[in-house]
Amino acid sequence: MNIEPLHAEFGARISGIDLSRELDLSIFEQIDLALNRYSFLLFENQRMNDQAHLDLTGRFGELEEEHVAYYSRGEITYIGTVGNIDENGN
């Protein structure tokens, strides 16, 4: 795993790992430390399905439900969609 700072005070690019696979504790701890140090982490070219994403983010703590779906439709989801495309593709 390689951690490359993007700026002296904020952000880092992490390469050399596959986030779609379960990470061993030492790798996860390095990611957690980097997140606390840089506040923003960029992982390029990752191929993750929703469950892999939830598995990884759940290791950081309890997941928070996505508020828009919960308050507008009463659905509890953990992955939100941001965009301006309506249900007809416009």
PDB file of N, CA and C in Angstrom:
ATOM      1  N   MET A   1       0.849  -1.170   0.000  1.00  0.00           N
ATOM      2  CA  MET A   1       0.000   0.000   0.000  1.00  0.00           C
ATOM      3  C   MET A   1       0.894   1.232   0.000  1.00  0.00           C
ATOM      4  N   ASN A   2       0.547   2.203  -0.832  1.00  0.00           N
ATOM      5  CA  ASN A   2       1.291   3.451  -0.927  1.00  0.00           C
ATOM      6  C   ASN A   2       0.361   4.613  -0.588  1.00  0.00           C
ATOM      7  N   ILE A   3       0.824   5.521   0.265  1.00  0.00           N
ATOM      8  CA  ILE A   3       0.063   6.711   0.629  1.00  0.00           C
ATOM      9  C   ILE A   3       0.823   7.922   0.117  1.00  0.00           C
ATOM     10  N   GLU A   4       0.192   8.684  -0.774  1.00  0.00           N
ATOM     11  CA  GLU A   4       0.809   9.861  -1.384  1.00  0.00           C
ATOM     12  C   GLU A   4      -0.002  11.106  -1.016  1.00  0.00           C
ATOM     13  N   PRO A   5       0.548  11.993  -0.193  1.00  0.00           N
ATOM     14  CA  PRO A   5      -0.182  13.220   0.144  1.00  0.00           C
ATOM     15  C   PRO A   5      -0.501  14.027  -1.113  1.00  0.00           C
ATOM     16  N   LEU A   6      -1.720  14.557  -1.182  1.00  0.00           N
ATOM     17  CA  LEU A   6      -2.117  15.400  -2.298  1.00  0.00           C
ATOM     18  C   LEU A   6      -1.843  16.877  -2.015  1.00  0.00           C
ATOM     19  N   HIS A   7      -1.767  17.206  -0.746  1.00  0.00           N
ATOM     20  CA  HIS A   7      -1.512  18.573  -0.295  1.00  0.00           C
ATOM     21  C   HIS A   7      -0.863  18.448   1.076  1.00  0.00           C
ATOM     22  N   ALA A   8      -0.128  19.439   1.479  1.00  0.00           N
ATOM     23  CA  ALA A   8       0.557  19.374   2.776  1.00  0.00           C
ATOM     24  C   ALA A   8      -0.409  19.245   3.946  1.00  0.00           C
ATOM     25  N   GLU A   9      -1.632  19.746   3.784  1.00  0.00           N
ATOM     26  CA  GLU A   9      -2.564  19.764   4.906  1.00  0.00           C
ATOM     27  C   GLU A   9      -3.832  18.941   4.704  1.00  0.00           C
ATOM     28  N   PHE A  10      -4.104  18.490   3.483  1.00  0.00           N
ATOM     29  CA  PHE A  10      -5.406  17.863   3.241  1.00  0.00           C
ATOM     30  C   PHE A  10      -5.332  16.897   2.072  1.00  0.00           C
ATOM     31  N   GLY A  11      -5.807  15.680   2.270  1.00  0.00           N
ATOM     32  CA  GLY A  11      -5.983  14.717   1.189  1.00  0.00           C
ATOM     33  C   GLY A  11      -4.763  13.867   0.890  1.00  0.00           C
ATOM     34  N   ALA A  12      -5.031  12.593   0.568  1.00  0.00           N
ATOM     35  CA  ALA A  12      -3.982  11.671   0.155  1.00  0.00           C
ATOM     36  C   ALA A  12      -4.562  10.658  -0.818  1.00  0.00           C
ATOM     37  N   ARG A  13      -3.705  10.189  -1.726  1.00  0.00           N
ATOM     38  CA  ARG A  13      -4.058   9.132  -2.670  1.00  0.00           C
ATOM     39  C   ARG A  13      -3.473   7.838  -2.130  1.00  0.00           C
ATOM     40  N   ILE A  14      -4.309   6.800  -2.066  1.00  0.00           N
ATOM     41  CA  ILE A  14      -3.841   5.488  -1.625  1.00  0.00           C
ATOM     42  C   ILE A  14      -3.932   4.534  -2.800  1.00  0.00           C
ATOM     43  N   SER A  15      -2.830   3.853  -3.068  1.00  0.00           N
ATOM     44  CA  SER A  15      -2.788   2.893  -4.172  1.00  0.00           C
ATOM     45  C   SER A  15      -2.167   1.589  -3.675  1.00  0.00           C
ATOM     46  N   GLY A  16      -2.293   0.580  -4.503  1.00  0.00           N
ATOM     47  CA  GLY A  16      -1.683  -0.702  -4.186  1.00  0.00           C
ATOM     48  C   GLY A  16      -2.525  -1.630  -3.334  1.00  0.00           C
ATOM     49  N   ILE A  17      -3.827  -1.315  -3.203  1.00  0.00           N
ATOM     50  CA  ILE A  17      -4.718  -2.214  -2.466  1.00  0.00           C
ATOM     51  C   ILE A  17      -6.020  -2.384  -3.245  1.00  0.00           C
ATOM     52  N   ASP A  18      -6.707  -3.469  -2.979  1.00  0.00           N
ATOM     53  CA  ASP A  18      -7.987  -3.770  -3.611  1.00  0.00           C
ATOM     54  C   ASP A  18      -9.063  -3.710  -2.534  1.00  0.00           C
ATOM     55  N   LEU A  19      -9.872  -2.657  -2.548  1.00  0.00           N
ATOM     56  CA  LEU A  19     -10.887  -2.466  -1.520  1.00  0.00           C
ATOM     57  C   LEU A  19     -12.070  -3.418  -1.653  1.00  0.00           C
ATOM     58  N   SER A  20     -12.161  -4.154  -2.744  1.00  0.00           N
ATOM     59  CA  SER A  20     -13.258  -5.106  -2.897  1.00  0.00           C
ATOM     60  C   SER A  20     -13.012  -6.378  -2.089  1.00  0.00           C
ATOM     61  N   ARG A  21     -11.791  -6.542  -1.600  1.00  0.00           N
ATOM     62  CA  ARG A  21     -11.443  -7.704  -0.786  1.00  0.00           C
ATOM     63  C   ARG A  21     -11.381  -7.296   0.682  1.00  0.00           C
ATOM     64  N   GLU A  22     -11.582  -8.263   1.559  1.00  0.00           N
ATOM     65  CA  GLU A  22     -11.483  -7.973   2.984  1.00  0.00           C
ATOM     66  C   GLU A  22     -10.042  -7.594   3.319  1.00  0.00           C
ATOM     67  N   LEU A  23      -9.889  -6.487   4.029  1.00  0.00           N
ATOM     68  CA  LEU A  23      -8.564  -6.006   4.391  1.00  0.00           C
ATOM     69  C   LEU A  23      -8.155  -6.571   5.740  1.00  0.00           C
ATOM     70  N   ASP A  24      -6.884  -6.986   5.856  1.00  0.00           N
ATOM     71  CA  ASP A  24      -6.444  -7.444   7.170  1.00  0.00           C
ATOM     72  C   ASP A  24      -6.326  -6.239   8.103  1.00  0.00           C
ATOM     73  N   LEU A  25      -6.272  -6.511   9.381  1.00  0.00           N
ATOM     74  CA  LEU A  25      -6.327  -5.462  10.394  1.00  0.00           C
ATOM     75  C   LEU A  25      -5.214  -4.431  10.237  1.00  0.00           C
ATOM     76  N   SER A  26      -4.006  -4.852   9.927  1.00  0.00           N
ATOM     77  CA  SER A  26      -2.897  -3.898   9.822  1.00  0.00           C
ATOM     78  C   SER A  26      -3.102  -2.918   8.668  1.00  0.00           C
ATOM     79  N   ILE A  27      -3.611  -3.384   7.540  1.00  0.00           N
ATOM     80  CA  ILE A  27      -3.888  -2.500   6.405  1.00  0.00           C
ATOM     81  C   ILE A  27      -5.025  -1.546   6.761  1.00  0.00           C
ATOM     82  N   PHE A  28      -6.095  -2.081   7.369  1.00  0.00           N
ATOM     83  CA  PHE A  28      -7.200  -1.219   7.754  1.00  0.00           C
ATOM     84  C   PHE A  28      -6.735  -0.140   8.734  1.00  0.00           C
ATOM     85  N   GLU A  29      -5.906  -0.502   9.691  1.00  0.00           N
ATOM     86  CA  GLU A  29      -5.404   0.489  10.657  1.00  0.00           C
ATOM     87  C   GLU A  29      -4.595   1.584   9.975  1.00  0.00           C
ATOM     88  N   GLN A  30      -3.822   1.237   8.948  1.00  0.00           N
ATOM     89  CA  GLN A  30      -3.079   2.243   8.196  1.00  0.00           C
ATOM     90  C   GLN A  30      -4.028   3.197   7.462  1.00  0.00           C
ATOM     91  N   ILE A  31      -5.095   2.645   6.899  1.00  0.00           N
ATOM     92  CA  ILE A  31      -6.095   3.482   6.223  1.00  0.00           C
ATOM     93  C   ILE A  31      -6.776   4.399   7.232  1.00  0.00           C
ATOM     94  N   ASP A  32      -7.128   3.862   8.386  1.00  0.00           N
ATOM     95  CA  ASP A  32      -7.777   4.662   9.427  1.00  0.00           C
ATOM     96  C   ASP A  32      -6.860   5.798   9.888  1.00  0.00           C
ATOM     97  N   LEU A  33      -5.583   5.503  10.098  1.00  0.00           N
ATOM     98  CA  LEU A  33      -4.629   6.546  10.482  1.00  0.00           C
ATOM     99  C   LEU A  33      -4.502   7.603   9.389  1.00  0.00           C
ATOM    100  N   ALA A  34      -4.457   7.171   8.136  1.00  0.00           N
ATOM    101  CA  ALA A  34      -4.358   8.120   7.021  1.00  0.00           C
ATOM    102  C   ALA A  34      -5.601   8.996   6.936  1.00  0.00           C
ATOM    103  N   LEU A  35      -6.768   8.413   7.168  1.00  0.00           N
ATOM    104  CA  LEU A  35      -8.003   9.190   7.153  1.00  0.00           C
ATOM    105  C   LEU A  35      -7.982  10.252   8.250  1.00  0.00           C
ATOM    106  N   ASN A  36      -7.528   9.878   9.434  1.00  0.00           N
ATOM    107  CA  ASN A  36      -7.435  10.848  10.525  1.00  0.00           C
ATOM    108  C   ASN A  36      -6.390  11.921  10.250  1.00  0.00           C
ATOM    109  N   ARG A  37      -5.319  11.573   9.555  1.00  0.00           N
ATOM    110  CA  ARG A  37      -4.249  12.527   9.247  1.00  0.00           C
ATOM    111  C   ARG A  37      -4.631  13.467   8.108  1.00  0.00           C
ATOM    112  N   TYR A  38      -5.221  12.921   7.019  1.00  0.00           N
ATOM    113  CA  TYR A  38      -5.445  13.692   5.796  1.00  0.00           C
ATOM    114  C   TYR A  38      -6.902  14.109   5.581  1.00  0.00           C
ATOM    115  N   SER A  39      -7.834  13.570   6.320  1.00  0.00           N
ATOM    116  CA  SER A  39      -9.270  13.898   6.263  1.00  0.00           C
ATOM    117  C   SER A  39      -9.974  13.432   4.989  1.00  0.00           C
ATOM    118  N   PHE A  40      -9.269  13.266   3.916  1.00  0.00           N
ATOM    119  CA  PHE A  40      -9.838  12.856   2.626  1.00  0.00           C
ATOM    120  C   PHE A  40      -8.881  11.870   1.987  1.00  0.00           C
ATOM    121  N   LEU A  41      -9.400  10.723   1.541  1.00  0.00           N
ATOM    122  CA  LEU A  41      -8.571   9.724   0.873  1.00  0.00           C
ATOM    123  C   LEU A  41      -9.135   9.412  -0.500  1.00  0.00           C
ATOM    124  N   LEU A  42      -8.266   9.327  -1.479  1.00  0.00           N
ATOM    125  CA  LEU A  42      -8.633   9.003  -2.855  1.00  0.00           C
ATOM    126  C   LEU A  42      -8.131   7.605  -3.176  1.00  0.00           C
ATOM    127  N   PHE A  43      -9.052   6.726  -3.525  1.00  0.00           N
ATOM    128  CA  PHE A  43      -8.730   5.365  -3.951  1.00  0.00           C
ATOM    129  C   PHE A  43      -9.171   5.262  -5.406  1.00  0.00           C
ATOM    130  N   GLU A  44      -8.237   5.295  -6.326  1.00  0.00           N
ATOM    131  CA  GLU A  44      -8.592   5.268  -7.746  1.00  0.00           C
ATOM    132  C   GLU A  44      -8.768   3.839  -8.249  1.00  0.00           C
ATOM    133  N   ASN A  45      -9.605   3.718  -9.288  1.00  0.00           N
ATOM    134  CA  ASN A  45      -9.781   2.463 -10.030  1.00  0.00           C
ATOM    135  C   ASN A  45     -10.168   1.282  -9.152  1.00  0.00           C
ATOM    136  N   GLN A  46     -11.097   1.499  -8.242  1.00  0.00           N
ATOM    137  CA  GLN A  46     -11.598   0.415  -7.397  1.00  0.00           C
ATOM    138  C   GLN A  46     -12.894  -0.128  -8.000  1.00  0.00           C
ATOM    139  N   ARG A  47     -13.077  -1.414  -7.926  1.00  0.00           N
ATOM    140  CA  ARG A  47     -14.299  -2.066  -8.409  1.00  0.00           C
ATOM    141  C   ARG A  47     -14.987  -2.701  -7.207  1.00  0.00           C
ATOM    142  N   MET A  48     -15.941  -1.945  -6.653  1.00  0.00           N
ATOM    143  CA  MET A  48     -16.629  -2.410  -5.453  1.00  0.00           C
ATOM    144  C   MET A  48     -18.123  -2.440  -5.689  1.00  0.00           C
ATOM    145  N   ASN A  49     -18.766  -3.513  -5.243  1.00  0.00           N
ATOM    146  CA  ASN A  49     -20.222  -3.531  -5.264  1.00  0.00           C
ATOM    147  C   ASN A  49     -20.715  -2.886  -3.968  1.00  0.00           C
ATOM    148  N   ASP A  50     -22.031  -2.730  -3.852  1.00  0.00           N
ATOM    149  CA  ASP A  50     -22.595  -2.062  -2.680  1.00  0.00           C
ATOM    150  C   ASP A  50     -22.213  -2.775  -1.382  1.00  0.00           C
ATOM    151  N   GLN A  51     -22.254  -4.107  -1.377  1.00  0.00           N
ATOM    152  CA  GLN A  51     -21.954  -4.838  -0.145  1.00  0.00           C
ATOM    153  C   GLN A  51     -20.502  -4.653   0.270  1.00  0.00           C
ATOM    154  N   ALA A  52     -19.574  -4.671  -0.667  1.00  0.00           N
ATOM    155  CA  ALA A  52     -18.160  -4.452  -0.335  1.00  0.00           C
ATOM    156  C   ALA A  52     -17.963  -3.053   0.249  1.00  0.00           C
ATOM    157  N   HIS A  53     -18.673  -2.079  -0.303  1.00  0.00           N
ATOM    158  CA  HIS A  53     -18.596  -0.711   0.203  1.00  0.00           C
ATOM    159  C   HIS A  53     -19.125  -0.642   1.636  1.00  0.00           C
ATOM    160  N   LEU A  54     -20.274  -1.271   1.880  1.00  0.00           N
ATOM    161  CA  LEU A  54     -20.846  -1.277   3.221  1.00  0.00           C
ATOM    162  C   LEU A  54     -19.950  -2.022   4.206  1.00  0.00           C
ATOM    163  N   ASP A  55     -19.343  -3.124   3.777  1.00  0.00           N
ATOM    164  CA  ASP A  55     -18.444  -3.880   4.650  1.00  0.00           C
ATOM    165  C   ASP A  55     -17.248  -3.023   5.067  1.00  0.00           C
ATOM    166  N   LEU A  56     -16.664  -2.309   4.110  1.00  0.00           N
ATOM    167  CA  LEU A  56     -15.512  -1.463   4.417  1.00  0.00           C
ATOM    168  C   LEU A  56     -15.904  -0.301   5.322  1.00  0.00           C
ATOM    169  N   THR A  57     -16.930   0.442   4.954  1.00  0.00           N
ATOM    170  CA  THR A  57     -17.294   1.616   5.741  1.00  0.00           C
ATOM    171  C   THR A  57     -17.806   1.243   7.121  1.00  0.00           C
ATOM    172  N   GLY A  58     -18.411   0.067   7.258  1.00  0.00           N
ATOM    173  CA  GLY A  58     -18.883  -0.385   8.553  1.00  0.00           C
ATOM    174  C   GLY A  58     -17.760  -0.643   9.545  1.00  0.00           C
ATOM    175  N   ARG A  59     -16.551  -0.855   9.047  1.00  0.00           N
ATOM    176  CA  ARG A  59     -15.406  -1.050   9.946  1.00  0.00           C
ATOM    177  C   ARG A  59     -15.013   0.242  10.651  1.00  0.00           C
ATOM    178  N   PHE A  60     -15.416   1.381  10.113  1.00  0.00           N
ATOM    179  CA  PHE A  60     -15.095   2.669  10.740  1.00  0.00           C
ATOM    180  C   PHE A  60     -16.067   3.020  11.855  1.00  0.00           C
ATOM    181  N   GLY A  61     -17.213   2.367  11.889  1.00  0.00           N
ATOM    182  CA  GLY A  61     -18.196   2.640  12.922  1.00  0.00           C
ATOM    183  C   GLY A  61     -19.594   2.367  12.411  1.00  0.00           C
ATOM    184  N   GLU A  62     -20.570   2.646  13.250  1.00  0.00           N
ATOM    185  CA  GLU A  62     -21.967   2.392  12.905  1.00  0.00           C
ATOM    186  C   GLU A  62     -22.377   3.236  11.694  1.00  0.00           C
ATOM    187  N   LEU A  63     -23.030   2.604  10.737  1.00  0.00           N
ATOM    188  CA  LEU A  63     -23.464   3.304   9.537  1.00  0.00           C
ATOM    189  C   LEU A  63     -24.685   4.173   9.836  1.00  0.00           C
ATOM    190  N   GLU A  64     -24.768   5.287   9.155  1.00  0.00           N
ATOM    191  CA  GLU A  64     -25.903   6.202   9.290  1.00  0.00           C
ATOM    192  C   GLU A  64     -26.770   6.076   8.052  1.00  0.00           C
ATOM    193  N   GLU A  65     -28.079   5.966   8.260  1.00  0.00           N
ATOM    194  CA  GLU A  65     -28.964   5.819   7.110  1.00  0.00           C
ATOM    195  C   GLU A  65     -28.961   7.088   6.255  1.00  0.00           C
ATOM    196  N   GLU A  66     -29.207   6.876   4.977  1.00  0.00           N
ATOM    197  CA  GLU A  66     -29.250   7.967   4.003  1.00  0.00           C
ATOM    198  C   GLU A  66     -30.548   8.742   4.233  1.00  0.00           C
ATOM    199  N   HIS A  67     -30.432  10.012   4.581  1.00  0.00           N
ATOM    200  CA  HIS A  67     -31.566  10.802   5.063  1.00  0.00           C
ATOM    201  C   HIS A  67     -32.641  11.097   4.019  1.00  0.00           C
ATOM    202  N   VAL A  68     -32.268  11.317   2.776  1.00  0.00           N
ATOM    203  CA  VAL A  68     -33.259  11.675   1.762  1.00  0.00           C
ATOM    204  C   VAL A  68     -34.259  10.541   1.570  1.00  0.00           C
ATOM    205  N   ALA A  69     -33.790   9.325   1.384  1.00  0.00           N
ATOM    206  CA  ALA A  69     -34.692   8.187   1.183  1.00  0.00           C
ATOM    207  C   ALA A  69     -35.527   7.933   2.432  1.00  0.00           C
ATOM    208  N   TYR A  70     -34.921   8.101   3.592  1.00  0.00           N
ATOM    209  CA  TYR A  70     -35.642   7.838   4.830  1.00  0.00           C
ATOM    210  C   TYR A  70     -36.783   8.833   5.023  1.00  0.00           C
ATOM    211  N   TYR A  71     -36.499  10.099   4.854  1.00  0.00           N
ATOM    212  CA  TYR A  71     -37.522  11.112   5.126  1.00  0.00           C
ATOM    213  C   TYR A  71     -38.522  11.288   3.987  1.00  0.00           C
ATOM    214  N   SER A  72     -38.122  11.003   2.757  1.00  0.00           N
ATOM    215  CA  SER A  72     -39.067  11.183   1.652  1.00  0.00           C
ATOM    216  C   SER A  72     -39.890   9.926   1.368  1.00  0.00           C
ATOM    217  N   ARG A  73     -39.306   8.717   1.573  1.00  0.00           N
ATOM    218  CA  ARG A  73     -40.015   7.480   1.235  1.00  0.00           C
ATOM    219  C   ARG A  73     -40.122   6.507   2.395  1.00  0.00           C
ATOM    220  N   GLY A  74     -39.512   6.821   3.527  1.00  0.00           N
ATOM    221  CA  GLY A  74     -39.540   5.921   4.668  1.00  0.00           C
ATOM    222  C   GLY A  74     -38.645   4.705   4.506  1.00  0.00           C
ATOM    223  N   GLU A  75     -37.746   4.736   3.522  1.00  0.00           N
ATOM    224  CA  GLU A  75     -36.840   3.614   3.279  1.00  0.00           C
ATOM    225  C   GLU A  75     -35.556   3.811   4.059  1.00  0.00           C
ATOM    226  N   ILE A  76     -35.031   2.734   4.596  1.00  0.00           N
ATOM    227  CA  ILE A  76     -33.734   2.799   5.237  1.00  0.00           C
ATOM    228  C   ILE A  76     -32.714   2.204   4.288  1.00  0.00           C
ATOM    229  N   THR A  77     -31.850   3.058   3.785  1.00  0.00           N
ATOM    230  CA  THR A  77     -30.749   2.649   2.918  1.00  0.00           C
ATOM    231  C   THR A  77     -29.478   3.291   3.458  1.00  0.00           C
ATOM    232  N   TYR A  78     -28.347   2.788   3.034  1.00  0.00           N
ATOM    233  CA  TYR A  78     -27.076   3.310   3.520  1.00  0.00           C
ATOM    234  C   TYR A  78     -26.210   3.868   2.404  1.00  0.00           C
ATOM    235  N   ILE A  79     -26.663   3.783   1.180  1.00  0.00           N
ATOM    236  CA  ILE A  79     -25.931   4.346   0.054  1.00  0.00           C
ATOM    237  C   ILE A  79     -26.869   5.291  -0.665  1.00  0.00           C
ATOM    238  N   GLY A  80     -26.501   6.563  -0.694  1.00  0.00           N
ATOM    239  CA  GLY A  80     -27.327   7.571  -1.334  1.00  0.00           C
ATOM    240  C   GLY A  80     -26.904   7.808  -2.771  1.00  0.00           C
ATOM    241  N   THR A  81     -27.802   8.355  -3.541  1.00  0.00           N
ATOM    242  CA  THR A  81     -27.540   8.717  -4.924  1.00  0.00           C
ATOM    243  C   THR A  81     -27.669  10.224  -5.049  1.00  0.00           C
ATOM    244  N   VAL A  82     -26.680  10.832  -5.649  1.00  0.00           N
ATOM    245  CA  VAL A  82     -26.702  12.268  -5.868  1.00  0.00           C
ATOM    246  C   VAL A  82     -26.697  12.491  -7.372  1.00  0.00           C
ATOM    247  N   GLY A  83     -27.657  13.261  -7.854  1.00  0.00           N
ATOM    248  CA  GLY A  83     -27.701  13.536  -9.283  1.00  0.00           C
ATOM    249  C   GLY A  83     -28.918  14.352  -9.637  1.00  0.00           C
ATOM    250  N   ASN A  84     -29.001  14.734 -10.887  1.00  0.00           N
ATOM    251  CA  ASN A  84     -30.126  15.525 -11.350  1.00  0.00           C
ATOM    252  C   ASN A  84     -30.898  14.838 -12.473  1.00  0.00           C
ATOM    253  N   ILE A  85     -30.802  13.529 -12.570  1.00  0.00           N
ATOM    254  CA  ILE A  85     -31.517  12.738 -13.577  1.00  0.00           C
ATOM    255  C   ILE A  85     -32.811  12.233 -12.941  1.00  0.00           C
ATOM    256  N   ASP A  86     -33.942  12.485 -13.595  1.00  0.00           N
ATOM    257  CA  ASP A  86     -35.202  12.006 -13.028  1.00  0.00           C
ATOM    258  C   ASP A  86     -35.460  10.553 -13.438  1.00  0.00           C
ATOM    259  N   GLU A  87     -36.586  10.001 -12.981  1.00  0.00           N
ATOM    260  CA  GLU A  87     -36.897   8.594 -13.245  1.00  0.00           C
ATOM    261  C   GLU A  87     -37.081   8.270 -14.728  1.00  0.00           C
ATOM    262  N   ASN A  88     -37.253   9.305 -15.582  1.00  0.00           N
ATOM    263  CA  ASN A  88     -37.392   9.112 -17.020  1.00  0.00           C
ATOM    264  C   ASN A  88     -36.076   9.310 -17.770  1.00  0.00           C
ATOM    265  N   GLY A  89     -34.989   9.504 -17.039  1.00  0.00           N
ATOM    266  CA  GLY A  89     -33.691   9.665 -17.676  1.00  0.00           C
ATOM    267  C   GLY A  89     -33.413  11.069 -18.178  1.00  0.00           C
ATOM    268  N   ASN A  90     -34.227  12.017 -17.785  1.00  0.00           N
ATOM    269  CA  ASN A  90     -34.025  13.402 -18.217  1.00  0.00           C
ATOM    270  C   ASN A  90     -33.185  14.178 -17.221  1.00  0.00           C
TER     271      ASN A  90
END
